[in-house]
Amino acid sequence: MKIIIRRAEIKDIKNMARLAALCIEDSIPPTRDVSLKNLKQARILDIETSLGKIINLSHVGIYLAEDEKGTLLGHLMGYVGDIESVTGEAQGWIFDLSVDPKYRRRGIARKLVEKFTEFVKKAGYNFIGLLVTSSNKAAVALYENLGFVEERKRMAKRVL
């Protein structure tokens, strides 16, 4: 299968929202008791209402992976200029990476991250940051294989 990476356009947003909702289950920590149906609906609404405002901004890099027929295989949403909270360094930031479960383990996520890395380098930044759910072992392994390292841990505690 040939994988084509291209910048996303306004016309792609609905499909990207559906894909993000399909993949959101992988990002729910096991400590959280949430309605998957409600979470998916909220994810779709969030992406459909917010991406249209930012997709064409010069500091935003949103990329799609498609096959030769135009089937959406995955997407990466990121931007440059994020300020790292401790060092104050500006960096690239990945805020969503989703690959359709039917097409995983074919190098799609790697190609998307490589494309975003080019975008970050071209913009003059030296780092890319992201958050990943600790229990999403496949995503953690992917990022580690791509050279990402753990810098801090985000922790939560149930109080009720």
N, C-alpha and C. Protein backbone atom coordinates (compact mmCIF):
# COMPACT_ATOMS: atom_id res chain seq x y z
N MET A 1 0.85 -1.18 0.00
CA MET A 1 0.00 0.00 0.00
C MET A 1 0.90 1.24 0.00
N LYS A 2 0.59 2.13 -0.89
CA LYS A 2 1.31 3.40 -0.95
C LYS A 2 0.68 4.37 0.05
N ILE A 3 1.51 5.03 0.84
CA ILE A 3 1.05 6.00 1.83
C ILE A 3 1.42 7.39 1.35
N ILE A 4 0.43 8.25 1.23
CA ILE A 4 0.63 9.63 0.78
C ILE A 4 0.38 10.55 1.97
N ILE A 5 1.34 11.42 2.25
CA ILE A 5 1.19 12.39 3.33
C ILE A 5 0.99 13.77 2.70
N ARG A 6 -0.05 14.47 3.15
CA ARG A 6 -0.32 15.81 2.64
C ARG A 6 -0.89 16.67 3.75
N ARG A 7 -0.82 17.98 3.53
CA ARG A 7 -1.43 18.91 4.48
C ARG A 7 -2.94 18.76 4.43
N ALA A 8 -3.55 18.86 5.57
CA ALA A 8 -5.01 18.79 5.65
C ALA A 8 -5.63 20.08 5.16
N GLU A 9 -6.86 19.97 4.68
CA GLU A 9 -7.63 21.11 4.20
C GLU A 9 -8.96 21.14 4.94
N ILE A 10 -9.66 22.24 4.81
CA ILE A 10 -10.97 22.40 5.46
C ILE A 10 -11.89 21.22 5.13
N LYS A 11 -11.88 20.78 3.90
CA LYS A 11 -12.78 19.69 3.47
C LYS A 11 -12.49 18.37 4.18
N ASP A 12 -11.34 18.24 4.83
CA ASP A 12 -10.95 17.00 5.50
C ASP A 12 -11.41 16.93 6.95
N ILE A 13 -11.89 18.02 7.51
CA ILE A 13 -12.12 18.10 8.95
C ILE A 13 -13.13 17.06 9.44
N LYS A 14 -14.23 16.87 8.76
CA LYS A 14 -15.24 15.90 9.23
C LYS A 14 -14.65 14.50 9.33
N ASN A 15 -13.89 14.09 8.33
CA ASN A 15 -13.27 12.76 8.38
C ASN A 15 -12.22 12.66 9.48
N MET A 16 -11.48 13.75 9.69
CA MET A 16 -10.48 13.75 10.76
C MET A 16 -11.16 13.65 12.12
N ALA A 17 -12.28 14.33 12.29
CA ALA A 17 -13.01 14.27 13.55
C ALA A 17 -13.51 12.86 13.82
N ARG A 18 -14.02 12.20 12.80
CA ARG A 18 -14.49 10.82 12.96
C ARG A 18 -13.34 9.89 13.34
N LEU A 19 -12.18 10.07 12.70
CA LEU A 19 -11.03 9.24 13.01
C LEU A 19 -10.55 9.48 14.44
N ALA A 20 -10.48 10.72 14.86
CA ALA A 20 -10.06 11.03 16.22
C ALA A 20 -11.01 10.41 17.25
N ALA A 21 -12.30 10.43 16.96
CA ALA A 21 -13.28 9.82 17.86
C ALA A 21 -13.12 8.30 17.89
N LEU A 22 -12.84 7.72 16.75
CA LEU A 22 -12.63 6.27 16.67
C LEU A 22 -11.44 5.85 17.53
N CYS A 23 -10.42 6.69 17.58
CA CYS A 23 -9.18 6.35 18.28
C CYS A 23 -9.12 6.83 19.72
N ILE A 24 -10.10 7.60 20.17
CA ILE A 24 -10.03 8.21 21.51
C ILE A 24 -10.01 7.18 22.62
N GLU A 25 -10.60 6.04 22.40
CA GLU A 25 -10.66 5.00 23.43
C GLU A 25 -9.26 4.60 23.91
N ASP A 26 -8.27 4.62 23.02
CA ASP A 26 -6.90 4.26 23.37
C ASP A 26 -6.28 5.25 24.35
N SER A 27 -6.85 6.45 24.44
CA SER A 27 -6.26 7.51 25.26
C SER A 27 -6.96 7.72 26.60
N ILE A 28 -7.92 6.87 26.91
CA ILE A 28 -8.63 7.01 28.18
C ILE A 28 -7.85 6.23 29.24
N PRO A 29 -7.35 6.92 30.26
CA PRO A 29 -6.65 6.20 31.33
C PRO A 29 -7.60 5.22 32.02
N PRO A 30 -7.12 4.07 32.45
CA PRO A 30 -7.99 3.09 33.10
C PRO A 30 -8.58 3.58 34.42
N THR A 31 -8.04 4.64 34.98
CA THR A 31 -8.55 5.20 36.23
C THR A 31 -9.79 6.05 36.02
N ARG A 32 -10.12 6.37 34.77
CA ARG A 32 -11.25 7.25 34.49
C ARG A 32 -12.48 6.44 34.10
N ASP A 33 -13.61 6.83 34.65
CA ASP A 33 -14.88 6.19 34.35
C ASP A 33 -15.70 7.19 33.54
N VAL A 34 -15.61 7.08 32.21
CA VAL A 34 -16.29 8.03 31.34
C VAL A 34 -17.16 7.28 30.34
N SER A 35 -18.15 7.97 29.85
CA SER A 35 -19.01 7.41 28.82
C SER A 35 -18.30 7.53 27.48
N LEU A 36 -17.96 6.40 26.88
CA LEU A 36 -17.26 6.42 25.60
C LEU A 36 -18.11 7.10 24.53
N LYS A 37 -19.40 6.86 24.54
CA LYS A 37 -20.29 7.50 23.56
C LYS A 37 -20.24 9.02 23.69
N ASN A 38 -20.35 9.52 24.92
CA ASN A 38 -20.30 10.97 25.13
C ASN A 38 -18.94 11.54 24.78
N LEU A 39 -17.89 10.82 25.13
CA LEU A 39 -16.55 11.27 24.83
C LEU A 39 -16.32 11.37 23.32
N LYS A 40 -16.79 10.38 22.58
CA LYS A 40 -16.64 10.41 21.11
C LYS A 40 -17.42 11.58 20.51
N GLN A 41 -18.63 11.81 20.99
CA GLN A 41 -19.42 12.94 20.49
C GLN A 41 -18.73 14.26 20.80
N ALA A 42 -18.19 14.38 22.00
CA ALA A 42 -17.50 15.62 22.38
C ALA A 42 -16.25 15.81 21.53
N ARG A 43 -15.54 14.74 21.23
CA ARG A 43 -14.31 14.81 20.42
C ARG A 43 -14.64 15.29 19.01
N ILE A 44 -15.68 14.74 18.43
CA ILE A 44 -16.10 15.16 17.09
C ILE A 44 -16.46 16.64 17.09
N LEU A 45 -17.28 17.06 18.04
CA LEU A 45 -17.69 18.46 18.12
C LEU A 45 -16.49 19.37 18.31
N ASP A 46 -15.57 18.99 19.19
CA ASP A 46 -14.38 19.81 19.44
C ASP A 46 -13.57 20.00 18.17
N ILE A 47 -13.30 18.93 17.46
CA ILE A 47 -12.47 19.02 16.26
C ILE A 47 -13.20 19.78 15.16
N GLU A 48 -14.46 19.48 14.97
CA GLU A 48 -15.21 20.16 13.90
C GLU A 48 -15.33 21.66 14.14
N THR A 49 -15.39 22.08 15.40
CA THR A 49 -15.54 23.51 15.66
C THR A 49 -14.20 24.23 15.77
N SER A 50 -13.14 23.52 16.17
CA SER A 50 -11.87 24.22 16.39
C SER A 50 -10.92 24.16 15.20
N LEU A 51 -10.88 23.07 14.47
CA LEU A 51 -9.88 22.95 13.39
C LEU A 51 -10.09 23.97 12.28
N GLY A 52 -11.32 24.27 11.98
CA GLY A 52 -11.58 25.25 10.92
C GLY A 52 -10.97 26.61 11.20
N LYS A 53 -10.82 26.94 12.47
CA LYS A 53 -10.25 28.23 12.87
C LYS A 53 -8.72 28.25 12.76
N ILE A 54 -8.08 27.07 12.80
CA ILE A 54 -6.62 27.06 12.87
C ILE A 54 -5.92 26.36 11.71
N ILE A 55 -6.65 25.60 10.93
CA ILE A 55 -6.03 24.70 9.95
C ILE A 55 -5.11 25.41 8.96
N ASN A 56 -5.40 26.65 8.62
CA ASN A 56 -4.60 27.37 7.64
C ASN A 56 -3.60 28.35 8.24
N LEU A 57 -3.47 28.35 9.55
CA LEU A 57 -2.50 29.25 10.19
C LEU A 57 -1.08 28.74 9.92
N SER A 58 -0.16 29.66 9.73
CA SER A 58 1.20 29.27 9.33
C SER A 58 1.96 28.50 10.40
N HIS A 59 1.60 28.66 11.66
CA HIS A 59 2.31 27.93 12.72
C HIS A 59 1.67 26.57 13.04
N VAL A 60 0.64 26.22 12.30
CA VAL A 60 -0.07 24.96 12.52
C VAL A 60 0.29 23.98 11.40
N GLY A 61 0.63 22.76 11.79
CA GLY A 61 0.95 21.71 10.83
C GLY A 61 0.02 20.54 11.04
N ILE A 62 -0.96 20.40 10.18
CA ILE A 62 -1.92 19.31 10.28
C ILE A 62 -1.80 18.49 9.00
N TYR A 63 -1.48 17.21 9.17
CA TYR A 63 -1.17 16.35 8.05
C TYR A 63 -2.05 15.11 8.04
N LEU A 64 -2.35 14.65 6.82
CA LEU A 64 -3.13 13.43 6.62
C LEU A 64 -2.26 12.38 5.97
N ALA A 65 -2.56 11.14 6.29
CA ALA A 65 -2.00 9.99 5.58
C ALA A 65 -3.16 9.34 4.85
N GLU A 66 -2.98 9.15 3.55
CA GLU A 66 -4.01 8.53 2.72
C GLU A 66 -3.36 7.45 1.87
N ASP A 67 -4.21 6.53 1.39
CA ASP A 67 -3.72 5.59 0.39
C ASP A 67 -3.95 6.20 -0.99
N GLU A 68 -3.60 5.47 -2.03
CA GLU A 68 -3.71 6.01 -3.39
C GLU A 68 -5.15 6.26 -3.82
N LYS A 69 -6.13 5.70 -3.09
CA LYS A 69 -7.55 5.92 -3.39
C LYS A 69 -8.12 7.10 -2.61
N GLY A 70 -7.31 7.70 -1.74
CA GLY A 70 -7.78 8.82 -0.94
C GLY A 70 -8.42 8.41 0.38
N THR A 71 -8.28 7.15 0.76
CA THR A 71 -8.81 6.68 2.04
C THR A 71 -7.98 7.27 3.18
N LEU A 72 -8.63 7.87 4.15
CA LEU A 72 -7.93 8.43 5.30
C LEU A 72 -7.42 7.30 6.17
N LEU A 73 -6.10 7.25 6.34
CA LEU A 73 -5.45 6.23 7.15
C LEU A 73 -5.08 6.76 8.53
N GLY A 74 -4.72 8.05 8.59
CA GLY A 74 -4.30 8.64 9.84
C GLY A 74 -4.12 10.14 9.69
N HIS A 75 -3.94 10.80 10.82
CA HIS A 75 -3.66 12.24 10.79
C HIS A 75 -2.78 12.62 11.98
N LEU A 76 -2.12 13.73 11.83
CA LEU A 76 -1.34 14.34 12.91
C LEU A 76 -1.71 15.81 12.96
N MET A 77 -1.99 16.29 14.17
CA MET A 77 -2.30 17.70 14.37
C MET A 77 -1.24 18.28 15.31
N GLY A 78 -0.60 19.34 14.88
CA GLY A 78 0.43 19.95 15.71
C GLY A 78 0.63 21.41 15.37
N TYR A 79 1.51 22.04 16.12
CA TYR A 79 1.83 23.44 15.87
C TYR A 79 3.21 23.74 16.41
N VAL A 80 3.77 24.84 16.02
CA VAL A 80 5.05 25.31 16.55
C VAL A 80 4.81 26.56 17.38
N GLY A 81 5.74 26.79 18.32
CA GLY A 81 5.64 27.97 19.18
C GLY A 81 5.11 27.65 20.56
N ASP A 82 4.85 26.37 20.85
CA ASP A 82 4.45 25.98 22.20
C ASP A 82 5.61 26.29 23.15
N ILE A 83 5.31 26.83 24.30
CA ILE A 83 6.36 27.16 25.28
C ILE A 83 6.42 26.06 26.33
N GLU A 84 7.58 25.42 26.42
CA GLU A 84 7.80 24.37 27.41
C GLU A 84 7.77 25.02 28.78
N SER A 85 6.99 24.47 29.70
CA SER A 85 6.69 25.16 30.95
C SER A 85 7.86 25.34 31.91
N VAL A 86 8.85 24.50 31.86
CA VAL A 86 9.97 24.63 32.80
C VAL A 86 11.12 25.42 32.20
N THR A 87 11.50 25.08 30.96
CA THR A 87 12.67 25.73 30.37
C THR A 87 12.35 27.03 29.66
N GLY A 88 11.09 27.23 29.31
CA GLY A 88 10.71 28.42 28.56
C GLY A 88 11.06 28.36 27.09
N GLU A 89 11.56 27.20 26.64
CA GLU A 89 11.92 27.05 25.22
C GLU A 89 10.68 26.87 24.35
N ALA A 90 10.69 27.52 23.22
CA ALA A 90 9.62 27.31 22.24
C ALA A 90 9.91 26.00 21.51
N GLN A 91 8.84 25.28 21.16
CA GLN A 91 8.99 23.97 20.53
C GLN A 91 7.78 23.65 19.67
N GLY A 92 7.87 22.57 18.93
CA GLY A 92 6.71 22.02 18.26
C GLY A 92 5.90 21.22 19.26
N TRP A 93 4.61 21.06 18.98
CA TRP A 93 3.75 20.31 19.89
C TRP A 93 2.76 19.48 19.07
N ILE A 94 2.73 18.20 19.34
CA ILE A 94 1.74 17.31 18.72
C ILE A 94 0.56 17.21 19.67
N PHE A 95 -0.63 17.60 19.21
CA PHE A 95 -1.79 17.51 20.09
C PHE A 95 -2.75 16.41 19.70
N ASP A 96 -2.54 15.77 18.56
CA ASP A 96 -3.32 14.59 18.22
C ASP A 96 -2.61 13.81 17.13
N LEU A 97 -2.50 12.52 17.33
CA LEU A 97 -2.00 11.59 16.31
C LEU A 97 -2.92 10.40 16.35
N SER A 98 -3.62 10.17 15.27
CA SER A 98 -4.57 9.06 15.19
C SER A 98 -4.32 8.27 13.91
N VAL A 99 -4.31 6.96 14.05
CA VAL A 99 -4.22 6.07 12.89
C VAL A 99 -5.37 5.08 13.00
N ASP A 100 -6.10 4.93 11.91
CA ASP A 100 -7.22 3.99 11.88
C ASP A 100 -6.72 2.62 12.33
N PRO A 101 -7.41 2.00 13.30
CA PRO A 101 -6.95 0.70 13.80
C PRO A 101 -6.75 -0.36 12.71
N LYS A 102 -7.49 -0.27 11.62
CA LYS A 102 -7.34 -1.24 10.52
C LYS A 102 -6.01 -1.11 9.79
N TYR A 103 -5.34 0.03 9.96
CA TYR A 103 -4.11 0.29 9.20
C TYR A 103 -2.88 0.49 10.09
N ARG A 104 -2.99 0.13 11.35
CA ARG A 104 -1.86 0.32 12.25
C ARG A 104 -0.73 -0.67 11.95
N ARG A 105 0.47 -0.30 12.44
CA ARG A 105 1.68 -1.11 12.30
C ARG A 105 2.13 -1.23 10.84
N ARG A 106 1.88 -0.17 10.07
CA ARG A 106 2.32 -0.11 8.68
C ARG A 106 3.20 1.09 8.40
N GLY A 107 3.65 1.77 9.45
CA GLY A 107 4.54 2.91 9.29
C GLY A 107 3.84 4.24 9.07
N ILE A 108 2.53 4.26 9.21
CA ILE A 108 1.76 5.49 8.96
C ILE A 108 2.08 6.56 9.99
N ALA A 109 2.03 6.20 11.27
CA ALA A 109 2.33 7.18 12.33
C ALA A 109 3.76 7.69 12.18
N ARG A 110 4.68 6.82 11.87
CA ARG A 110 6.08 7.22 11.68
C ARG A 110 6.19 8.26 10.57
N LYS A 111 5.53 8.01 9.45
CA LYS A 111 5.60 8.96 8.33
C LYS A 111 4.97 10.31 8.70
N LEU A 112 3.89 10.28 9.45
CA LEU A 112 3.25 11.52 9.89
C LEU A 112 4.17 12.31 10.82
N VAL A 113 4.80 11.62 11.76
CA VAL A 113 5.72 12.30 12.69
C VAL A 113 6.93 12.84 11.93
N GLU A 114 7.43 12.09 10.96
CA GLU A 114 8.56 12.56 10.15
C GLU A 114 8.19 13.84 9.40
N LYS A 115 6.99 13.88 8.83
CA LYS A 115 6.54 15.08 8.11
C LYS A 115 6.42 16.26 9.06
N PHE A 116 5.85 16.03 10.24
CA PHE A 116 5.72 17.11 11.21
C PHE A 116 7.10 17.56 11.69
N THR A 117 8.02 16.63 11.84
CA THR A 117 9.38 16.97 12.25
C THR A 117 10.02 17.91 11.23
N GLU A 118 9.81 17.66 9.95
CA GLU A 118 10.31 18.56 8.90
C GLU A 118 9.72 19.96 9.08
N PHE A 119 8.43 20.02 9.35
CA PHE A 119 7.74 21.30 9.57
C PHE A 119 8.36 22.05 10.74
N VAL A 120 8.63 21.33 11.84
CA VAL A 120 9.20 21.94 13.04
C VAL A 120 10.61 22.44 12.76
N LYS A 121 11.42 21.63 12.09
CA LYS A 121 12.80 22.03 11.77
C LYS A 121 12.81 23.26 10.86
N LYS A 122 11.95 23.24 9.85
CA LYS A 122 11.88 24.37 8.91
C LYS A 122 11.49 25.66 9.63
N ALA A 123 10.67 25.54 10.67
CA ALA A 123 10.26 26.71 11.44
C ALA A 123 11.33 27.15 12.44
N GLY A 124 12.41 26.36 12.55
CA GLY A 124 13.54 26.77 13.39
C GLY A 124 13.49 26.30 14.84
N TYR A 125 12.71 25.30 15.14
CA TYR A 125 12.61 24.81 16.51
C TYR A 125 13.41 23.53 16.67
N ASN A 126 13.87 23.28 17.91
CA ASN A 126 14.75 22.15 18.18
C ASN A 126 14.08 20.97 18.86
N PHE A 127 12.87 21.14 19.37
CA PHE A 127 12.20 20.07 20.10
C PHE A 127 10.76 19.93 19.66
N ILE A 128 10.22 18.73 19.89
CA ILE A 128 8.79 18.45 19.74
C ILE A 128 8.33 17.82 21.04
N GLY A 129 7.23 18.34 21.59
CA GLY A 129 6.64 17.78 22.79
C GLY A 129 5.29 17.17 22.49
N LEU A 130 4.81 16.35 23.40
CA LEU A 130 3.49 15.74 23.29
C LEU A 130 3.12 15.13 24.62
N LEU A 131 1.86 14.80 24.79
CA LEU A 131 1.38 14.01 25.92
C LEU A 131 0.89 12.68 25.37
N VAL A 132 1.13 11.61 26.10
CA VAL A 132 0.64 10.29 25.71
C VAL A 132 0.13 9.60 26.96
N THR A 133 -0.98 8.90 26.84
CA THR A 133 -1.55 8.17 27.95
C THR A 133 -0.63 7.00 28.30
N SER A 134 -0.21 6.93 29.55
CA SER A 134 0.75 5.91 29.99
C SER A 134 0.28 4.49 29.69
N SER A 135 -1.02 4.24 29.79
CA SER A 135 -1.54 2.89 29.56
C SER A 135 -1.63 2.53 28.08
N ASN A 136 -1.44 3.50 27.20
CA ASN A 136 -1.45 3.24 25.76
C ASN A 136 -0.06 2.77 25.35
N LYS A 137 0.23 1.52 25.66
CA LYS A 137 1.58 0.97 25.49
C LYS A 137 2.06 1.04 24.04
N ALA A 138 1.17 0.83 23.09
CA ALA A 138 1.57 0.90 21.67
C ALA A 138 2.04 2.30 21.30
N ALA A 139 1.31 3.32 21.76
CA ALA A 139 1.69 4.70 21.46
C ALA A 139 2.99 5.07 22.17
N VAL A 140 3.14 4.66 23.42
CA VAL A 140 4.37 4.93 24.15
C VAL A 140 5.56 4.31 23.42
N ALA A 141 5.41 3.06 23.00
CA ALA A 141 6.50 2.37 22.27
C ALA A 141 6.81 3.07 20.96
N LEU A 142 5.79 3.50 20.24
CA LEU A 142 5.99 4.23 18.98
C LEU A 142 6.84 5.47 19.22
N TYR A 143 6.42 6.28 20.17
CA TYR A 143 7.15 7.53 20.43
C TYR A 143 8.58 7.25 20.88
N GLU A 144 8.76 6.26 21.72
CA GLU A 144 10.12 5.92 22.15
C GLU A 144 10.96 5.48 20.96
N ASN A 145 10.38 4.69 20.06
CA ASN A 145 11.10 4.25 18.85
C ASN A 145 11.44 5.42 17.94
N LEU A 146 10.68 6.49 18.03
CA LEU A 146 10.93 7.68 17.21
C LEU A 146 11.87 8.66 17.91
N GLY A 147 12.37 8.28 19.09
CA GLY A 147 13.36 9.11 19.77
C GLY A 147 12.81 10.03 20.86
N PHE A 148 11.53 9.96 21.14
CA PHE A 148 10.97 10.76 22.23
C PHE A 148 11.37 10.14 23.56
N VAL A 149 11.62 10.98 24.55
CA VAL A 149 11.97 10.50 25.89
C VAL A 149 11.02 11.13 26.91
N GLU A 150 10.81 10.40 27.99
CA GLU A 150 9.96 10.90 29.05
C GLU A 150 10.69 12.00 29.81
N GLU A 151 10.04 13.15 29.94
CA GLU A 151 10.64 14.28 30.67
C GLU A 151 9.98 14.51 32.02
N ARG A 152 8.72 14.19 32.14
CA ARG A 152 8.00 14.33 33.41
C ARG A 152 6.78 13.44 33.36
N LYS A 153 6.17 13.23 34.50
CA LYS A 153 4.95 12.41 34.57
C LYS A 153 3.78 13.30 34.99
N ARG A 154 2.67 13.12 34.33
CA ARG A 154 1.44 13.79 34.71
C ARG A 154 0.69 12.79 35.58
N MET A 155 0.25 13.21 36.74
CA MET A 155 -0.40 12.30 37.67
C MET A 155 -1.77 12.82 38.05
N ALA A 156 -2.66 11.90 38.45
CA ALA A 156 -4.02 12.26 38.86
C ALA A 156 -4.42 11.39 40.04
N LYS A 157 -5.35 11.88 40.82
CA LYS A 157 -5.86 11.16 41.99
C LYS A 157 -7.36 11.34 42.04
N ARG A 158 -8.08 10.26 42.25
CA ARG A 158 -9.53 10.35 42.44
C ARG A 158 -9.80 10.86 43.86
N VAL A 159 -10.66 11.85 44.01
CA VAL A 159 -10.93 12.42 45.32
C VAL A 159 -12.35 12.16 45.79
N LEU A 160 -13.20 11.65 44.99
CA LEU A 160 -14.58 11.33 45.38
C LEU A 160 -14.83 9.85 45.35
